[in-house]
């Protein structure tokens, strides 16, 4: 009789690297950061996708990987009589990409404030 170790009985299941569901969402975003010279940068862009912990932003000029960023997402009103929603977050750039839609960056973020 062959003895099977617990390791041999283990079933391998692929694990997704992302811990949160991402949503494809294109909303305007204002990006603020300090460049390598300490100068303040303010750029406008738009989101490609967003989750509770990360975001990908298309932006003509992008901060370097490792740079701290402040992001302000501008959601339109859901109905004409209501105002839009501003969602603020702070984060750090983890990747810069050139995609077919344009240059952008991925940031790990933490949402800090909701405003109407």
PDB file of N, CA and C in Angstrom:
ATOM      1  N   UNK A   1       0.839  -1.170   0.000  1.00  0.00           N
ATOM      2  CA  UNK A   1       0.000   0.000   0.000  1.00  0.00           C
ATOM      3  C   UNK A   1       0.889   1.240   0.000  1.00  0.00           C
ATOM      4  N   UNK A   2       0.613   2.163  -0.896  1.00  0.00           N
ATOM      5  CA  UNK A   2       1.404   3.383  -1.026  1.00  0.00           C
ATOM      6  C   UNK A   2       0.847   4.452  -0.081  1.00  0.00           C
ATOM      7  N   UNK A   3       1.736   5.100   0.664  1.00  0.00           N
ATOM      8  CA  UNK A   3       1.328   6.166   1.567  1.00  0.00           C
ATOM      9  C   UNK A   3       1.426   7.487   0.823  1.00  0.00           C
ATOM     10  N   UNK A   4       0.361   8.285   0.879  1.00  0.00           N
ATOM     11  CA  UNK A   4       0.323   9.566   0.203  1.00  0.00           C
ATOM     12  C   UNK A   4       0.478  10.662   1.249  1.00  0.00           C
ATOM     13  N   UNK A   5       1.465  11.524   1.045  1.00  0.00           N
ATOM     14  CA  UNK A   5       1.676  12.616   2.005  1.00  0.00           C
ATOM     15  C   UNK A   5       0.615  13.695   1.804  1.00  0.00           C
ATOM     16  N   UNK A   6       0.347  14.505   2.844  1.00  0.00           N
ATOM     17  CA  UNK A   6      -0.625  15.599   2.696  1.00  0.00           C
ATOM     18  C   UNK A   6      -0.257  16.558   1.566  1.00  0.00           C
ATOM     19  N   UNK A   7       1.027  16.762   1.309  1.00  0.00           N
ATOM     20  CA  UNK A   7       1.466  17.657   0.249  1.00  0.00           C
ATOM     21  C   UNK A   7       1.038  17.125  -1.110  1.00  0.00           C
ATOM     22  N   UNK A   8       1.114  15.842  -1.310  1.00  0.00           N
ATOM     23  CA  UNK A   8       0.717  15.250  -2.579  1.00  0.00           C
ATOM     24  C   UNK A   8      -0.794  15.317  -2.790  1.00  0.00           C
ATOM     25  N   UNK A   9      -1.572  15.444  -1.720  1.00  0.00           N
ATOM     26  CA  UNK A   9      -3.017  15.520  -1.821  1.00  0.00           C
ATOM     27  C   UNK A   9      -3.499  16.953  -2.077  1.00  0.00           C
ATOM     28  N   UNK A  10      -2.633  17.922  -1.926  1.00  0.00           N
ATOM     29  CA  UNK A  10      -3.013  19.323  -2.083  1.00  0.00           C
ATOM     30  C   UNK A  10      -3.371  19.618  -3.531  1.00  0.00           C
ATOM     31  N   UNK A  11      -4.462  20.322  -3.723  1.00  0.00           N
ATOM     32  CA  UNK A  11      -4.889  20.742  -5.052  1.00  0.00           C
ATOM     33  C   UNK A  11      -4.436  22.187  -5.230  1.00  0.00           C
ATOM     34  N   UNK A  12      -3.766  22.468  -6.324  1.00  0.00           N
ATOM     35  CA  UNK A  12      -3.298  23.828  -6.587  1.00  0.00           C
ATOM     36  C   UNK A  12      -4.384  24.603  -7.309  1.00  0.00           C
ATOM     37  N   UNK A  13      -4.718  25.752  -6.775  1.00  0.00           N
ATOM     38  CA  UNK A  13      -5.729  26.619  -7.365  1.00  0.00           C
ATOM     39  C   UNK A  13      -5.058  27.945  -7.686  1.00  0.00           C
ATOM     40  N   UNK A  14      -5.198  28.447  -8.919  1.00  0.00           N
ATOM     41  CA  UNK A  14      -4.585  29.736  -9.233  1.00  0.00           C
ATOM     42  C   UNK A  14      -5.179  30.834  -8.361  1.00  0.00           C
ATOM     43  N   UNK A  15      -4.317  31.740  -7.923  1.00  0.00           N
ATOM     44  CA  UNK A  15      -4.743  32.845  -7.076  1.00  0.00           C
ATOM     45  C   UNK A  15      -4.583  34.138  -7.858  1.00  0.00           C
ATOM     46  N   UNK A  16      -5.631  34.937  -7.891  1.00  0.00           N
ATOM     47  CA  UNK A  16      -5.557  36.231  -8.561  1.00  0.00           C
ATOM     48  C   UNK A  16      -4.702  37.154  -7.706  1.00  0.00           C
ATOM     49  N   UNK A  17      -3.823  37.939  -8.332  1.00  0.00           N
ATOM     50  CA  UNK A  17      -2.954  38.837  -7.594  1.00  0.00           C
ATOM     51  C   UNK A  17      -3.735  39.977  -6.951  1.00  0.00           C
ATOM     52  N   UNK A  18      -4.807  40.421  -7.558  1.00  0.00           N
ATOM     53  CA  UNK A  18      -5.574  41.542  -7.015  1.00  0.00           C
ATOM     54  C   UNK A  18      -6.499  41.034  -5.927  1.00  0.00           C
ATOM     55  N   UNK A  19      -6.541  41.775  -4.823  1.00  0.00           N
ATOM     56  CA  UNK A  19      -7.378  41.352  -3.710  1.00  0.00           C
ATOM     57  C   UNK A  19      -8.770  41.973  -3.748  1.00  0.00           C
ATOM     58  N   UNK A  20      -9.014  42.929  -4.656  1.00  0.00           N
ATOM     59  CA  UNK A  20     -10.314  43.612  -4.740  1.00  0.00           C
ATOM     60  C   UNK A  20     -10.827  43.583  -6.166  1.00  0.00           C
ATOM     61  N   UNK A  21     -12.136  43.583  -6.293  1.00  0.00           N
ATOM     62  CA  UNK A  21     -12.776  43.633  -7.599  1.00  0.00           C
ATOM     63  C   UNK A  21     -12.554  45.011  -8.210  1.00  0.00           C
ATOM     64  N   UNK A  22     -12.135  45.043  -9.478  1.00  0.00           N
ATOM     65  CA  UNK A  22     -11.957  46.319 -10.180  1.00  0.00           C
ATOM     66  C   UNK A  22     -13.155  46.547 -11.084  1.00  0.00           C
ATOM     67  N   UNK A  23     -13.519  47.825 -11.212  1.00  0.00           N
ATOM     68  CA  UNK A  23     -14.641  48.196 -12.053  1.00  0.00           C
ATOM     69  C   UNK A  23     -14.163  49.122 -13.154  1.00  0.00           C
ATOM     70  N   UNK A  24     -14.563  48.827 -14.382  1.00  0.00           N
ATOM     71  CA  UNK A  24     -14.249  49.722 -15.497  1.00  0.00           C
ATOM     72  C   UNK A  24     -15.118  50.959 -15.332  1.00  0.00           C
ATOM     73  N   UNK A  25     -14.465  52.089 -15.165  1.00  0.00           N
ATOM     74  CA  UNK A  25     -15.177  53.322 -14.892  1.00  0.00           C
ATOM     75  C   UNK A  25     -14.335  54.479 -15.393  1.00  0.00           C
ATOM     76  N   UNK A  26     -14.932  55.305 -16.227  1.00  0.00           N
ATOM     77  CA  UNK A  26     -14.219  56.455 -16.777  1.00  0.00           C
ATOM     78  C   UNK A  26     -14.833  57.730 -16.216  1.00  0.00           C
ATOM     79  N   UNK A  27     -14.162  58.316 -15.229  1.00  0.00           N
ATOM     80  CA  UNK A  27     -14.593  59.594 -14.649  1.00  0.00           C
ATOM     81  C   UNK A  27     -13.386  60.525 -14.609  1.00  0.00           C
ATOM     82  N   UNK A  28     -13.635  61.841 -14.679  1.00  0.00           N
ATOM     83  CA  UNK A  28     -12.523  62.795 -14.589  1.00  0.00           C
ATOM     84  C   UNK A  28     -11.837  62.699 -13.228  1.00  0.00           C
ATOM     85  N   UNK A  29     -10.544  62.938 -13.235  1.00  0.00           N
ATOM     86  CA  UNK A  29      -9.781  62.907 -11.983  1.00  0.00           C
ATOM     87  C   UNK A  29      -8.727  64.019 -12.027  1.00  0.00           C
ATOM     88  N   UNK A  30      -8.552  64.686 -10.910  1.00  0.00           N
ATOM     89  CA  UNK A  30      -7.498  65.684 -10.752  1.00  0.00           C
ATOM     90  C   UNK A  30      -6.377  65.019  -9.962  1.00  0.00           C
ATOM     91  N   UNK A  31      -5.161  65.082 -10.499  1.00  0.00           N
ATOM     92  CA  UNK A  31      -4.003  64.422  -9.888  1.00  0.00           C
ATOM     93  C   UNK A  31      -3.023  65.482  -9.390  1.00  0.00           C
ATOM     94  N   UNK A  32      -2.562  65.338  -8.164  1.00  0.00           N
ATOM     95  CA  UNK A  32      -1.571  66.258  -7.598  1.00  0.00           C
ATOM     96  C   UNK A  32      -0.427  65.451  -7.017  1.00  0.00           C
ATOM     97  N   UNK A  33       0.805  65.934  -7.285  1.00  0.00           N
ATOM     98  CA  UNK A  33       1.998  65.308  -6.721  1.00  0.00           C
ATOM     99  C   UNK A  33       3.151  66.290  -6.796  1.00  0.00           C
ATOM    100  N   UNK A  34       4.248  65.934  -6.135  1.00  0.00           N
ATOM    101  CA  UNK A  34       5.481  66.715  -6.246  1.00  0.00           C
ATOM    102  C   UNK A  34       6.464  65.916  -7.080  1.00  0.00           C
ATOM    103  N   UNK A  35       7.101  66.598  -8.048  1.00  0.00           N
ATOM    104  CA  UNK A  35       8.061  65.906  -8.906  1.00  0.00           C
ATOM    105  C   UNK A  35       9.403  65.751  -8.187  1.00  0.00           C
ATOM    106  N   UNK A  36      10.379  65.190  -8.893  1.00  0.00           N
ATOM    107  CA  UNK A  36      11.689  64.908  -8.291  1.00  0.00           C
ATOM    108  C   UNK A  36      12.416  66.168  -7.830  1.00  0.00           C
ATOM    109  N   UNK A  37      12.035  67.339  -8.338  1.00  0.00           N
ATOM    110  CA  UNK A  37      12.631  68.614  -7.917  1.00  0.00           C
ATOM    111  C   UNK A  37      11.852  69.273  -6.781  1.00  0.00           C
ATOM    112  N   UNK A  38      10.761  68.644  -6.364  1.00  0.00           N
ATOM    113  CA  UNK A  38       9.933  69.204  -5.309  1.00  0.00           C
ATOM    114  C   UNK A  38       8.879  70.171  -5.803  1.00  0.00           C
ATOM    115  N   UNK A  39       8.776  70.331  -7.128  1.00  0.00           N
ATOM    116  CA  UNK A  39       7.756  71.217  -7.701  1.00  0.00           C
ATOM    117  C   UNK A  39       6.392  70.545  -7.660  1.00  0.00           C
ATOM    118  N   UNK A  40       5.368  71.318  -7.356  1.00  0.00           N
ATOM    119  CA  UNK A  40       4.008  70.792  -7.330  1.00  0.00           C
ATOM    120  C   UNK A  40       3.475  70.618  -8.744  1.00  0.00           C
ATOM    121  N   UNK A  41       2.860  69.499  -8.985  1.00  0.00           N
ATOM    122  CA  UNK A  41       2.268  69.196 -10.288  1.00  0.00           C
ATOM    123  C   UNK A  41       0.771  68.993 -10.114  1.00  0.00           C
ATOM    124  N   UNK A  42       0.015  69.515 -11.050  1.00  0.00           N
ATOM    125  CA  UNK A  42      -1.433  69.327 -11.077  1.00  0.00           C
ATOM    126  C   UNK A  42      -1.802  68.976 -12.509  1.00  0.00           C
ATOM    127  N   UNK A  43      -2.407  67.819 -12.694  1.00  0.00           N
ATOM    128  CA  UNK A  43      -2.810  67.373 -14.027  1.00  0.00           C
ATOM    129  C   UNK A  43      -4.227  66.822 -13.959  1.00  0.00           C
ATOM    130  N   UNK A  44      -4.911  66.905 -15.079  1.00  0.00           N
ATOM    131  CA  UNK A  44      -6.240  66.317 -15.203  1.00  0.00           C
ATOM    132  C   UNK A  44      -6.134  65.054 -16.048  1.00  0.00           C
ATOM    133  N   UNK A  45      -6.895  64.073 -15.676  1.00  0.00           N
ATOM    134  CA  UNK A  45      -6.930  62.823 -16.416  1.00  0.00           C
ATOM    135  C   UNK A  45      -8.293  62.181 -16.270  1.00  0.00           C
ATOM    136  N   UNK A  46      -8.366  60.891 -16.529  1.00  0.00           N
ATOM    137  CA  UNK A  46      -9.593  60.142 -16.350  1.00  0.00           C
ATOM    138  C   UNK A  46      -9.244  58.729 -15.964  1.00  0.00           C
ATOM    139  N   UNK A  47     -10.141  58.090 -15.248  1.00  0.00           N
ATOM    140  CA  UNK A  47      -9.890  56.735 -14.781  1.00  0.00           C
ATOM    141  C   UNK A  47     -10.183  55.721 -15.882  1.00  0.00           C
ATOM    142  N   UNK A  48      -9.450  54.628 -15.851  1.00  0.00           N
ATOM    143  CA  UNK A  48      -9.747  53.487 -16.716  1.00  0.00           C
ATOM    144  C   UNK A  48     -10.515  52.441 -15.908  1.00  0.00           C
ATOM    145  N   UNK A  49     -10.043  52.202 -14.685  1.00  0.00           N
ATOM    146  CA  UNK A  49     -10.716  51.288 -13.772  1.00  0.00           C
ATOM    147  C   UNK A  49     -10.374  51.690 -12.343  1.00  0.00           C
ATOM    148  N   UNK A  50     -11.199  51.212 -11.420  1.00  0.00           N
ATOM    149  CA  UNK A  50     -11.056  51.616 -10.031  1.00  0.00           C
ATOM    150  C   UNK A  50     -11.530  50.482  -9.126  1.00  0.00           C
ATOM    151  N   UNK A  51     -10.920  50.377  -7.958  1.00  0.00           N
ATOM    152  CA  UNK A  51     -11.374  49.446  -6.928  1.00  0.00           C
ATOM    153  C   UNK A  51     -11.309  50.178  -5.592  1.00  0.00           C
ATOM    154  N   UNK A  52     -11.594  49.483  -4.533  1.00  0.00           N
ATOM    155  CA  UNK A  52     -11.520  50.120  -3.218  1.00  0.00           C
ATOM    156  C   UNK A  52     -10.088  50.354  -2.766  1.00  0.00           C
ATOM    157  N   UNK A  53      -9.109  49.777  -3.471  1.00  0.00           N
ATOM    158  CA  UNK A  53      -7.713  49.915  -3.065  1.00  0.00           C
ATOM    159  C   UNK A  53      -6.765  50.402  -4.146  1.00  0.00           C
ATOM    160  N   UNK A  54      -7.243  50.508  -5.384  1.00  0.00           N
ATOM    161  CA  UNK A  54      -6.339  50.918  -6.454  1.00  0.00           C
ATOM    162  C   UNK A  54      -7.110  51.579  -7.590  1.00  0.00           C
ATOM    163  N   UNK A  55      -6.336  52.229  -8.454  1.00  0.00           N
ATOM    164  CA  UNK A  55      -6.932  52.923  -9.592  1.00  0.00           C
ATOM    165  C   UNK A  55      -5.912  52.983 -10.712  1.00  0.00           C
ATOM    166  N   UNK A  56      -6.403  52.999 -11.960  1.00  0.00           N
ATOM    167  CA  UNK A  56      -5.544  53.285 -13.100  1.00  0.00           C
ATOM    168  C   UNK A  56      -6.051  54.580 -13.700  1.00  0.00           C
ATOM    169  N   UNK A  57      -5.126  55.546 -13.899  1.00  0.00           N
ATOM    170  CA  UNK A  57      -5.475  56.873 -14.387  1.00  0.00           C
ATOM    171  C   UNK A  57      -4.737  57.162 -15.678  1.00  0.00           C
ATOM    172  N   UNK A  58      -5.476  57.554 -16.723  1.00  0.00           N
ATOM    173  CA  UNK A  58      -4.863  58.076 -17.940  1.00  0.00           C
ATOM    174  C   UNK A  58      -4.576  59.548 -17.693  1.00  0.00           C
ATOM    175  N   UNK A  59      -3.341  59.961 -17.990  1.00  0.00           N
ATOM    176  CA  UNK A  59      -2.923  61.333 -17.722  1.00  0.00           C
ATOM    177  C   UNK A  59      -1.790  61.670 -18.685  1.00  0.00           C
ATOM    178  N   UNK A  60      -1.772  62.894 -19.272  1.00  0.00           N
ATOM    179  CA  UNK A  60      -0.734  63.225 -20.249  1.00  0.00           C
ATOM    180  C   UNK A  60       0.681  63.217 -19.657  1.00  0.00           C
ATOM    181  N   UNK A  61       0.814  63.669 -18.423  1.00  0.00           N
ATOM    182  CA  UNK A  61       2.091  63.603 -17.708  1.00  0.00           C
ATOM    183  C   UNK A  61       1.865  62.746 -16.482  1.00  0.00           C
ATOM    184  N   UNK A  62       2.783  61.840 -16.213  1.00  0.00           N
ATOM    185  CA  UNK A  62       2.575  60.914 -15.094  1.00  0.00           C
ATOM    186  C   UNK A  62       3.687  61.048 -14.066  1.00  0.00           C
ATOM    187  N   UNK A  63       3.357  60.829 -12.795  1.00  0.00           N
ATOM    188  CA  UNK A  63       4.380  60.837 -11.757  1.00  0.00           C
ATOM    189  C   UNK A  63       5.223  59.564 -11.846  1.00  0.00           C
ATOM    190  N   UNK A  64       6.413  59.628 -11.283  1.00  0.00           N
ATOM    191  CA  UNK A  64       7.308  58.472 -11.272  1.00  0.00           C
ATOM    192  C   UNK A  64       6.807  57.414 -10.290  1.00  0.00           C
ATOM    193  N   UNK A  65       7.190  56.176 -10.531  1.00  0.00           N
ATOM    194  CA  UNK A  65       6.859  55.082  -9.616  1.00  0.00           C
ATOM    195  C   UNK A  65       7.410  55.427  -8.234  1.00  0.00           C
ATOM    196  N   UNK A  66       6.601  55.202  -7.220  1.00  0.00           N
ATOM    197  CA  UNK A  66       6.994  55.503  -5.841  1.00  0.00           C
ATOM    198  C   UNK A  66       6.560  56.874  -5.358  1.00  0.00           C
ATOM    199  N   UNK A  67       6.056  57.698  -6.268  1.00  0.00           N
ATOM    200  CA  UNK A  67       5.624  59.048  -5.917  1.00  0.00           C
ATOM    201  C   UNK A  67       4.271  59.012  -5.206  1.00  0.00           C
ATOM    202  N   UNK A  68       4.127  59.817  -4.177  1.00  0.00           N
ATOM    203  CA  UNK A  68       2.845  59.973  -3.507  1.00  0.00           C
ATOM    204  C   UNK A  68       1.942  60.856  -4.346  1.00  0.00           C
ATOM    205  N   UNK A  69       0.671  60.506  -4.459  1.00  0.00           N
ATOM    206  CA  UNK A  69      -0.281  61.281  -5.253  1.00  0.00           C
ATOM    207  C   UNK A  69      -1.548  61.544  -4.437  1.00  0.00           C
ATOM    208  N   UNK A  70      -2.151  62.687  -4.719  1.00  0.00           N
ATOM    209  CA  UNK A  70      -3.490  62.996  -4.198  1.00  0.00           C
ATOM    210  C   UNK A  70      -4.422  63.026  -5.392  1.00  0.00           C
ATOM    211  N   UNK A  71      -5.514  62.320  -5.284  1.00  0.00           N
ATOM    212  CA  UNK A  71      -6.443  62.163  -6.397  1.00  0.00           C
ATOM    213  C   UNK A  71      -7.818  62.660  -5.982  1.00  0.00           C
ATOM    214  N   UNK A  72      -8.472  63.352  -6.905  1.00  0.00           N
ATOM    215  CA  UNK A  72      -9.832  63.820  -6.676  1.00  0.00           C
ATOM    216  C   UNK A  72     -10.687  63.381  -7.860  1.00  0.00           C
ATOM    217  N   UNK A  73     -11.600  62.442  -7.608  1.00  0.00           N
ATOM    218  CA  UNK A  73     -12.471  61.889  -8.633  1.00  0.00           C
ATOM    219  C   UNK A  73     -13.740  62.725  -8.694  1.00  0.00           C
ATOM    220  N   UNK A  74     -14.175  63.066  -9.897  1.00  0.00           N
ATOM    221  CA  UNK A  74     -15.332  63.947 -10.089  1.00  0.00           C
ATOM    222  C   UNK A  74     -16.473  63.168 -10.734  1.00  0.00           C
ATOM    223  N   UNK A  75     -17.383  62.661  -9.917  1.00  0.00           N
ATOM    224  CA  UNK A  75     -18.512  61.881 -10.417  1.00  0.00           C
ATOM    225  C   UNK A  75     -19.664  62.808 -10.795  1.00  0.00           C
ATOM    226  N   UNK A  76     -20.281  62.587 -11.938  1.00  0.00           N
ATOM    227  CA  UNK A  76     -21.416  63.428 -12.351  1.00  0.00           C
ATOM    228  C   UNK A  76     -22.633  63.128 -11.484  1.00  0.00           C
ATOM    229  N   UNK A  77     -23.604  64.043 -11.458  1.00  0.00           N
ATOM    230  CA  UNK A  77     -24.833  63.781 -10.692  1.00  0.00           C
ATOM    231  C   UNK A  77     -25.613  62.627 -11.303  1.00  0.00           C
ATOM    232  N   UNK A  78     -26.319  61.899 -10.461  1.00  0.00           N
ATOM    233  CA  UNK A  78     -27.137  60.786 -10.942  1.00  0.00           C
ATOM    234  C   UNK A  78     -28.468  61.272 -11.496  1.00  0.00           C
ATOM    235  N   UNK A  79     -28.890  62.448 -11.075  1.00  0.00           N
ATOM    236  CA  UNK A  79     -30.115  63.051 -11.609  1.00  0.00           C
ATOM    237  C   UNK A  79     -29.892  64.547 -11.721  1.00  0.00           C
ATOM    238  N   UNK A  80     -30.671  65.199 -12.567  1.00  0.00           N
ATOM    239  CA  UNK A  80     -30.452  66.612 -12.872  1.00  0.00           C
ATOM    240  C   UNK A  80     -30.511  67.518 -11.648  1.00  0.00           C
ATOM    241  N   UNK A  81     -31.379  67.236 -10.718  1.00  0.00           N
ATOM    242  CA  UNK A  81     -31.554  68.112  -9.566  1.00  0.00           C
ATOM    243  C   UNK A  81     -30.482  67.921  -8.495  1.00  0.00           C
ATOM    244  N   UNK A  82     -29.655  66.926  -8.634  1.00  0.00           N
ATOM    245  CA  UNK A  82     -28.627  66.638  -7.631  1.00  0.00           C
ATOM    246  C   UNK A  82     -27.274  67.143  -8.086  1.00  0.00           C
ATOM    247  N   UNK A  83     -26.400  67.338  -7.136  1.00  0.00           N
ATOM    248  CA  UNK A  83     -25.023  67.707  -7.464  1.00  0.00           C
ATOM    249  C   UNK A  83     -24.186  66.463  -7.676  1.00  0.00           C
ATOM    250  N   UNK A  84     -23.005  66.655  -8.221  1.00  0.00           N
ATOM    251  CA  UNK A  84     -22.092  65.543  -8.417  1.00  0.00           C
ATOM    252  C   UNK A  84     -21.423  65.154  -7.113  1.00  0.00           C
ATOM    253  N   UNK A  85     -20.578  64.169  -7.162  1.00  0.00           N
ATOM    254  CA  UNK A  85     -19.871  63.670  -5.991  1.00  0.00           C
ATOM    255  C   UNK A  85     -18.376  63.801  -6.233  1.00  0.00           C
ATOM    256  N   UNK A  86     -17.659  64.283  -5.238  1.00  0.00           N
ATOM    257  CA  UNK A  86     -16.196  64.334  -5.279  1.00  0.00           C
ATOM    258  C   UNK A  86     -15.671  63.314  -4.288  1.00  0.00           C
ATOM    259  N   UNK A  87     -14.787  62.487  -4.767  1.00  0.00           N
ATOM    260  CA  UNK A  87     -14.194  61.452  -3.938  1.00  0.00           C
ATOM    261  C   UNK A  87     -12.694  61.694  -3.921  1.00  0.00           C
ATOM    262  N   UNK A  88     -12.116  61.833  -2.745  1.00  0.00           N
ATOM    263  CA  UNK A  88     -10.682  62.098  -2.638  1.00  0.00           C
ATOM    264  C   UNK A  88      -9.949  60.883  -2.104  1.00  0.00           C
ATOM    265  N   UNK A  89      -8.720  60.749  -2.584  1.00  0.00           N
ATOM    266  CA  UNK A  89      -7.887  59.627  -2.157  1.00  0.00           C
ATOM    267  C   UNK A  89      -6.431  60.060  -2.133  1.00  0.00           C
ATOM    268  N   UNK A  90      -5.643  59.386  -1.329  1.00  0.00           N
ATOM    269  CA  UNK A  90      -4.191  59.542  -1.345  1.00  0.00           C
ATOM    270  C   UNK A  90      -3.616  58.183  -1.687  1.00  0.00           C
ATOM    271  N   UNK A  91      -2.477  58.186  -2.363  1.00  0.00           N
ATOM    272  CA  UNK A  91      -1.908  56.914  -2.753  1.00  0.00           C
ATOM    273  C   UNK A  91      -0.470  57.023  -3.195  1.00  0.00           C
ATOM    274  N   UNK A  92       0.006  55.955  -3.778  1.00  0.00           N
ATOM    275  CA  UNK A  92       1.382  55.883  -4.280  1.00  0.00           C
ATOM    276  C   UNK A  92       1.373  55.200  -5.636  1.00  0.00           C
ATOM    277  N   UNK A  93       2.132  55.770  -6.559  1.00  0.00           N
ATOM    278  CA  UNK A  93       2.225  55.212  -7.909  1.00  0.00           C
ATOM    279  C   UNK A  93       3.025  53.908  -7.852  1.00  0.00           C
ATOM    280  N   UNK A  94       2.443  52.846  -8.404  1.00  0.00           N
ATOM    281  CA  UNK A  94       3.111  51.545  -8.405  1.00  0.00           C
ATOM    282  C   UNK A  94       3.520  51.088  -9.800  1.00  0.00           C
ATOM    283  N   UNK A  95       2.952  51.744 -10.848  1.00  0.00           N
ATOM    284  CA  UNK A  95       3.287  51.341 -12.219  1.00  0.00           C
ATOM    285  C   UNK A  95       2.936  52.476 -13.170  1.00  0.00           C
ATOM    286  N   UNK A  96       3.754  52.651 -14.191  1.00  0.00           N
ATOM    287  CA  UNK A  96       3.479  53.596 -15.272  1.00  0.00           C
ATOM    288  C   UNK A  96       3.418  52.789 -16.558  1.00  0.00           C
ATOM    289  N   UNK A  97       2.366  53.001 -17.353  1.00  0.00           N
ATOM    290  CA  UNK A  97       2.162  52.233 -18.586  1.00  0.00           C
ATOM    291  C   UNK A  97       1.844  53.148 -19.750  1.00  0.00           C
ATOM    292  N   UNK A  98       2.225  52.709 -20.926  1.00  0.00           N
ATOM    293  CA  UNK A  98       1.765  53.340 -22.162  1.00  0.00           C
ATOM    294  C   UNK A  98       0.846  52.340 -22.823  1.00  0.00           C
ATOM    295  N   UNK A  99      -0.452  52.651 -22.799  1.00  0.00           N
ATOM    296  CA  UNK A  99      -1.462  51.767 -23.370  1.00  0.00           C
ATOM    297  C   UNK A  99      -1.924  52.343 -24.699  1.00  0.00           C
ATOM    298  N   UNK A 100      -2.720  51.575 -25.414  1.00  0.00           N
ATOM    299  CA  UNK A 100      -3.215  52.056 -26.702  1.00  0.00           C
ATOM    300  C   UNK A 100      -4.084  53.300 -26.534  1.00  0.00           C
ATOM    301  N   UNK A 101      -4.729  53.440 -25.377  1.00  0.00           N
ATOM    302  CA  UNK A 101      -5.569  54.609 -25.127  1.00  0.00           C
ATOM    303  C   UNK A 101      -4.753  55.815 -24.665  1.00  0.00           C
ATOM    304  N   UNK A 102      -3.508  55.617 -24.261  1.00  0.00           N
ATOM    305  CA  UNK A 102      -2.672  56.716 -23.797  1.00  0.00           C
ATOM    306  C   UNK A 102      -1.795  56.319 -22.623  1.00  0.00           C
ATOM    307  N   UNK A 103      -1.019  57.279 -22.163  1.00  0.00           N
ATOM    308  CA  UNK A 103      -0.119  57.053 -21.033  1.00  0.00           C
ATOM    309  C   UNK A 103      -0.897  57.171 -19.731  1.00  0.00           C
ATOM    310  N   UNK A 104      -0.544  56.337 -18.780  1.00  0.00           N
ATOM    311  CA  UNK A 104      -1.233  56.388 -17.498  1.00  0.00           C
ATOM    312  C   UNK A 104      -0.419  55.756 -16.399  1.00  0.00           C
ATOM    313  N   UNK A 105      -1.003  55.758 -15.201  1.00  0.00           N
ATOM    314  CA  UNK A 105      -0.318  55.164 -14.057  1.00  0.00           C
ATOM    315  C   UNK A 105      -1.313  54.435 -13.168  1.00  0.00           C
ATOM    316  N   UNK A 106      -0.800  53.432 -12.476  1.00  0.00           N
ATOM    317  CA  UNK A 106      -1.580  52.694 -11.496  1.00  0.00           C
ATOM    318  C   UNK A 106      -1.114  53.147 -10.124  1.00  0.00           C
ATOM    319  N   UNK A 107      -2.065  53.351  -9.242  1.00  0.00           N
ATOM    320  CA  UNK A 107      -1.741  53.764  -7.876  1.00  0.00           C
ATOM    321  C   UNK A 107      -2.519  52.917  -6.888  1.00  0.00           C
ATOM    322  N   UNK A 108      -1.853  52.577  -5.810  1.00  0.00           N
ATOM    323  CA  UNK A 108      -2.525  51.971  -4.674  1.00  0.00           C
ATOM    324  C   UNK A 108      -3.014  53.134  -3.843  1.00  0.00           C
ATOM    325  N   UNK A 109      -4.283  53.121  -3.465  1.00  0.00           N
ATOM    326  CA  UNK A 109      -4.824  54.300  -2.811  1.00  0.00           C
ATOM    327  C   UNK A 109      -5.698  53.962  -1.617  1.00  0.00           C
ATOM    328  N   UNK A 110      -5.949  55.001  -0.855  1.00  0.00           N
ATOM    329  CA  UNK A 110      -6.875  54.919   0.272  1.00  0.00           C
ATOM    330  C   UNK A 110      -7.818  56.110   0.139  1.00  0.00           C
ATOM    331  N   UNK A 111      -9.105  55.844   0.111  1.00  0.00           N
ATOM    332  CA  UNK A 111     -10.071  56.929   0.006  1.00  0.00           C
ATOM    333  C   UNK A 111     -10.142  57.669   1.332  1.00  0.00           C
ATOM    334  N   UNK A 112     -10.163  58.994   1.248  1.00  0.00           N
ATOM    335  CA  UNK A 112     -10.101  59.802   2.464  1.00  0.00           C
ATOM    336  C   UNK A 112     -11.323  60.669   2.695  1.00  0.00           C
ATOM    337  N   UNK A 113     -12.059  61.023   1.635  1.00  0.00           N
ATOM    338  CA  UNK A 113     -13.166  61.964   1.817  1.00  0.00           C
ATOM    339  C   UNK A 113     -14.169  61.881   0.675  1.00  0.00           C
ATOM    340  N   UNK A 114     -15.440  61.982   1.050  1.00  0.00           N
ATOM    341  CA  UNK A 114     -16.535  62.072   0.088  1.00  0.00           C
ATOM    342  C   UNK A 114     -17.188  63.434   0.252  1.00  0.00           C
ATOM    343  N   UNK A 115     -17.466  64.127  -0.840  1.00  0.00           N
ATOM    344  CA  UNK A 115     -18.134  65.430  -0.777  1.00  0.00           C
ATOM    345  C   UNK A 115     -19.223  65.496  -1.828  1.00  0.00           C
ATOM    346  N   UNK A 116     -20.267  66.202  -1.516  1.00  0.00           N
ATOM    347  CA  UNK A 116     -21.335  66.476  -2.481  1.00  0.00           C
ATOM    348  C   UNK A 116     -21.212  67.890  -2.945  1.00  0.00           C
TER     349      UNK A 116
END
